[in-house]
Amino acid sequence: MATYEYLCSRCGSFDVKLAIGTAPKTYGCPVCTGAARRVYSSPGVTLTSHAVAALHVREEQAREAPAVVSQLPPRRRVHPHPHPALSRLPRL
């Protein structure tokens, strides 16, 4: 199903959901039942969150100019036993 936009000269614009490719050039207005002509507009695009948009931008920048690393990042110090109960587990 696709959403098609129509414009009635008396009542204004309204949307109609029809099967893709079956929209006629004119459609009956739901308010005054007069003939309304089909209006071609840009498709509805879902807005993405700022976090997702930032990830897309970062990915595109990395694709064009990847960051070059000259050395390994410093190792994070890992605590041997973050929880006391884990110290009693058998080691492999």
Protein backbone atom coordinates (compact mmCIF):
# COMPACT_ATOMS: atom_id res chain seq x y z
CA MET A 1 0.00 0.00 0.00
CA ALA A 2 1.18 3.49 -0.82
CA THR A 3 -0.07 6.88 0.33
CA TYR A 4 -1.14 9.23 -2.46
CA GLU A 5 -1.89 12.92 -1.99
CA TYR A 6 -4.83 14.61 -3.68
CA LEU A 7 -5.89 18.26 -3.75
CA CYS A 8 -9.51 19.35 -3.76
CA SER A 9 -10.12 22.90 -5.01
CA ARG A 10 -12.74 23.47 -2.26
CA CYS A 11 -11.57 21.42 0.74
CA GLY A 12 -7.78 21.26 0.42
CA SER A 13 -5.42 18.32 0.40
CA PHE A 14 -6.04 14.79 1.68
CA ASP A 15 -4.25 11.44 1.57
CA VAL A 16 -5.50 8.13 0.21
CA LYS A 17 -3.91 4.70 0.72
CA LEU A 18 -4.09 2.59 -2.43
CA ALA A 19 -2.19 -0.31 -3.93
CA ILE A 20 1.05 0.75 -5.59
CA GLY A 21 0.51 1.87 -9.18
CA THR A 22 -3.30 2.03 -8.99
CA ALA A 23 -3.76 5.73 -8.11
CA PRO A 24 -6.03 7.50 -10.61
CA LYS A 25 -5.37 11.09 -11.78
CA THR A 26 -8.54 12.25 -10.02
CA TYR A 27 -10.20 10.95 -6.88
CA GLY A 28 -13.43 11.81 -5.10
CA CYS A 29 -13.01 14.20 -2.17
CA PRO A 30 -14.15 12.56 1.10
CA VAL A 31 -15.76 15.83 2.29
CA CYS A 32 -17.57 17.29 -0.73
CA THR A 33 -17.33 14.30 -3.13
CA GLY A 34 -15.96 16.62 -5.85
CA ALA A 35 -13.12 15.63 -8.15
CA ALA A 36 -9.68 16.17 -6.63
CA ARG A 37 -6.49 16.02 -8.70
CA ARG A 38 -3.46 14.02 -7.71
CA VAL A 39 -0.51 15.99 -6.33
CA TYR A 40 3.05 14.73 -6.71
CA SER A 41 5.17 15.41 -3.65
CA SER A 42 8.39 14.14 -2.15
CA PRO A 43 8.21 10.73 -0.45
CA GLY A 44 7.95 10.56 3.30
CA VAL A 45 11.31 9.76 4.84
CA THR A 46 11.67 8.54 8.39
CA LEU A 47 13.89 10.76 10.51
CA THR A 48 16.79 9.06 12.21
CA SER A 49 18.03 9.84 15.68
CA HIS A 50 21.07 12.06 16.19
CA ALA A 51 23.15 9.11 17.39
CA VAL A 52 22.43 7.04 14.28
CA ALA A 53 23.05 10.04 12.01
CA ALA A 54 26.40 10.69 13.73
CA LEU A 55 27.39 7.05 13.21
CA HIS A 56 26.57 7.31 9.50
CA VAL A 57 28.65 10.48 9.19
CA ARG A 58 31.58 8.87 11.02
CA GLU A 59 31.39 5.81 8.78
CA GLU A 60 31.38 7.94 5.63
CA GLN A 61 34.36 9.96 6.87
CA ALA A 62 36.27 6.78 7.71
CA ARG A 63 35.53 5.45 4.25
CA GLU A 64 37.00 8.55 2.57
CA ALA A 65 39.90 9.25 4.96
CA PRO A 66 40.51 6.42 7.43
CA ALA A 67 42.33 7.24 10.65
CA VAL A 68 45.95 6.09 10.59
CA VAL A 69 47.30 4.60 13.80
CA SER A 70 51.03 4.90 14.54
CA GLN A 71 51.04 2.81 17.73
CA LEU A 72 48.88 0.44 19.70
CA PRO A 73 46.46 2.00 22.17
CA PRO A 74 47.45 1.68 25.84
CA ARG A 75 46.21 -1.48 27.53
CA ARG A 76 43.55 -1.06 30.11
CA ARG A 77 44.39 -2.47 33.49
CA VAL A 78 42.08 -5.35 34.21
CA HIS A 79 41.44 -6.27 37.81
CA PRO A 80 42.22 -9.94 38.36
CA HIS A 81 38.99 -10.61 40.27
CA PRO A 82 36.33 -7.94 39.93
CA HIS A 83 33.99 -9.82 42.27
CA PRO A 84 35.06 -11.78 45.39
CA ALA A 85 33.03 -14.84 44.40
CA LEU A 86 34.98 -15.11 41.12
CA SER A 87 38.25 -15.65 43.00
CA ARG A 88 36.92 -19.00 44.27
CA LEU A 89 36.22 -20.37 40.78
CA PRO A 90 38.66 -22.93 39.35
CA ARG A 91 41.18 -21.50 36.88
CA LEU A 92 41.87 -23.10 33.54
